[in-house]
Protein backbone atom coordinates (compact mmCIF):
# COMPACT_ATOMS: atom_id res chain seq x y z
CA MET A 1 19.76 53.39 -46.54
CA SER A 2 19.13 57.08 -46.97
CA SER A 3 17.41 58.98 -44.20
CA LYS A 4 15.84 61.41 -46.68
CA ALA A 5 12.22 61.90 -45.73
CA PHE A 6 9.71 61.26 -48.45
CA ILE A 7 6.21 62.74 -48.56
CA SER A 8 4.91 59.48 -47.10
CA ASP A 9 7.26 59.49 -44.10
CA PRO A 10 5.58 60.44 -40.82
CA TRP A 11 8.82 61.92 -39.50
CA ARG A 12 10.99 64.92 -40.22
CA ILE A 13 14.26 66.24 -38.91
CA HIS A 14 13.95 69.49 -36.98
CA GLY A 15 17.22 70.80 -35.60
CA ASP A 16 18.76 68.15 -33.35
CA ALA A 17 15.50 66.20 -32.94
CA LEU A 18 13.30 63.97 -35.02
CA ILE A 19 9.61 64.91 -35.07
CA LEU A 20 7.31 61.91 -35.46
CA SER A 21 3.56 61.85 -36.12
CA VAL A 22 1.80 58.85 -34.55
CA ARG A 23 -1.74 57.49 -34.65
CA LEU A 24 -2.21 55.57 -31.42
CA THR A 25 -4.77 52.83 -30.88
CA PRO A 26 -5.14 51.95 -27.17
CA LYS A 27 -6.75 48.80 -25.71
CA SER A 28 -5.15 46.57 -28.35
CA ALA A 29 -4.30 42.89 -27.97
CA ARG A 30 -0.58 43.70 -28.08
CA ASP A 31 1.94 46.51 -28.16
CA GLU A 32 3.18 46.93 -31.73
CA ILE A 33 4.17 49.29 -34.50
CA THR A 34 2.15 48.26 -37.54
CA GLY A 35 3.37 50.58 -40.31
CA ILE A 36 2.46 53.89 -41.91
CA GLU A 37 -1.06 55.20 -42.45
CA THR A 38 -2.31 58.17 -44.47
CA LEU A 39 -5.09 60.04 -42.70
CA ALA A 40 -8.12 61.51 -44.49
CA ASP A 41 -6.48 64.95 -44.45
CA GLY A 42 -3.39 63.58 -46.23
CA ARG A 43 -1.04 63.49 -43.23
CA CYS A 44 1.05 60.36 -42.78
CA THR A 45 1.37 58.81 -39.35
CA LEU A 46 3.12 55.86 -37.79
CA LYS A 47 0.44 53.38 -36.72
CA VAL A 48 1.01 52.16 -33.17
CA ARG A 49 -1.10 49.90 -30.95
CA VAL A 50 -0.72 49.54 -27.19
CA ARG A 51 -2.49 47.42 -24.58
CA PRO A 52 -3.28 49.99 -21.87
CA PRO A 53 -6.47 52.04 -22.02
CA PRO A 54 -6.31 55.81 -22.56
CA GLN A 55 -6.74 56.52 -18.86
CA GLU A 56 -4.42 58.46 -16.58
CA GLY A 57 -1.73 58.60 -19.28
CA GLU A 58 -1.26 54.82 -19.38
CA ALA A 59 -1.51 54.55 -23.18
CA ASN A 60 0.86 57.49 -23.66
CA ALA A 61 3.39 55.94 -21.29
CA ALA A 62 3.16 52.64 -23.18
CA LEU A 63 3.65 54.52 -26.47
CA ILE A 64 6.79 56.20 -25.16
CA ARG A 65 8.19 52.88 -23.90
CA LEU A 66 7.44 51.11 -27.18
CA ILE A 67 9.00 53.80 -29.39
CA ALA A 68 12.06 54.03 -27.14
CA LYS A 69 12.54 50.26 -27.13
CA ALA A 70 12.06 49.96 -30.91
CA LEU A 71 14.62 52.70 -31.58
CA ARG A 72 16.98 51.66 -28.76
CA ILE A 73 16.92 55.08 -27.09
CA PRO A 74 16.06 55.98 -23.49
CA ALA A 75 12.39 56.62 -22.76
CA SER A 76 13.43 60.07 -21.52
CA ALA A 77 14.43 60.89 -25.12
CA VAL A 78 10.81 60.54 -26.29
CA VAL A 79 8.47 63.46 -25.53
CA ILE A 80 4.84 63.95 -26.55
CA GLU A 81 4.84 67.48 -27.96
CA ALA A 82 1.20 67.63 -29.09
CA GLY A 83 -1.95 65.52 -29.01
CA ALA A 84 -1.55 63.99 -25.54
CA THR A 85 -5.32 63.46 -25.25
CA GLY A 86 -6.01 62.59 -28.89
CA ARG A 87 -5.29 59.62 -31.13
CA VAL A 88 -2.89 61.56 -33.37
CA LYS A 89 0.20 62.68 -31.50
CA THR A 90 3.39 64.51 -32.31
CA LEU A 91 6.51 63.11 -30.65
CA SER A 92 9.94 64.66 -30.38
CA LEU A 93 12.79 62.13 -30.35
CA GLN A 94 16.15 63.26 -29.02
CA GLY A 95 19.33 61.73 -30.37
CA ASP A 96 21.04 61.62 -33.74
CA PRO A 97 18.11 62.54 -36.04
CA GLU A 98 19.69 60.92 -39.12
CA GLN A 99 20.23 57.67 -37.24
CA LEU A 100 16.69 57.77 -35.81
CA ALA A 101 15.21 58.41 -39.28
CA ASN A 102 17.16 55.45 -40.68
CA ALA A 103 16.01 53.23 -37.81
CA LEU A 104 12.36 54.23 -38.38
CA ALA A 105 12.67 53.59 -42.12
CA GLU A 106 14.01 50.09 -41.41
CA LEU A 107 11.32 49.51 -38.80
CA VAL A 108 8.42 50.38 -41.10
CA ALA A 109 9.97 48.39 -43.94
CA ASP A 110 9.67 45.31 -41.68
CA PRO A 111 7.42 46.32 -38.73
CA LYS A 112 7.36 42.83 -37.16
CA SER A 113 11.11 42.72 -36.54
């Protein structure tokens, strides 16, 4: 599978990192990645739900753990670059950006796996 980013991909390769746009929904019934969503302004985001509330960084910590687990990278390789207090966040993922892009493409193709 090609890692080429399409207009609808919420990620892009930037240097040696992968930049990922996420729309986080806290206080959900379960922790899950549910697919890709296009926002009203046209931006595409990865839709993610987590159980913890957005208090004291709990939802952000759960987001980092979930992304790291889904991509099989250490949690320390996932950093919230922007939007820490909002629903839409920008994450920086450290590792092989091509491999991470391929893993995300596979994940959104079948988000329940």
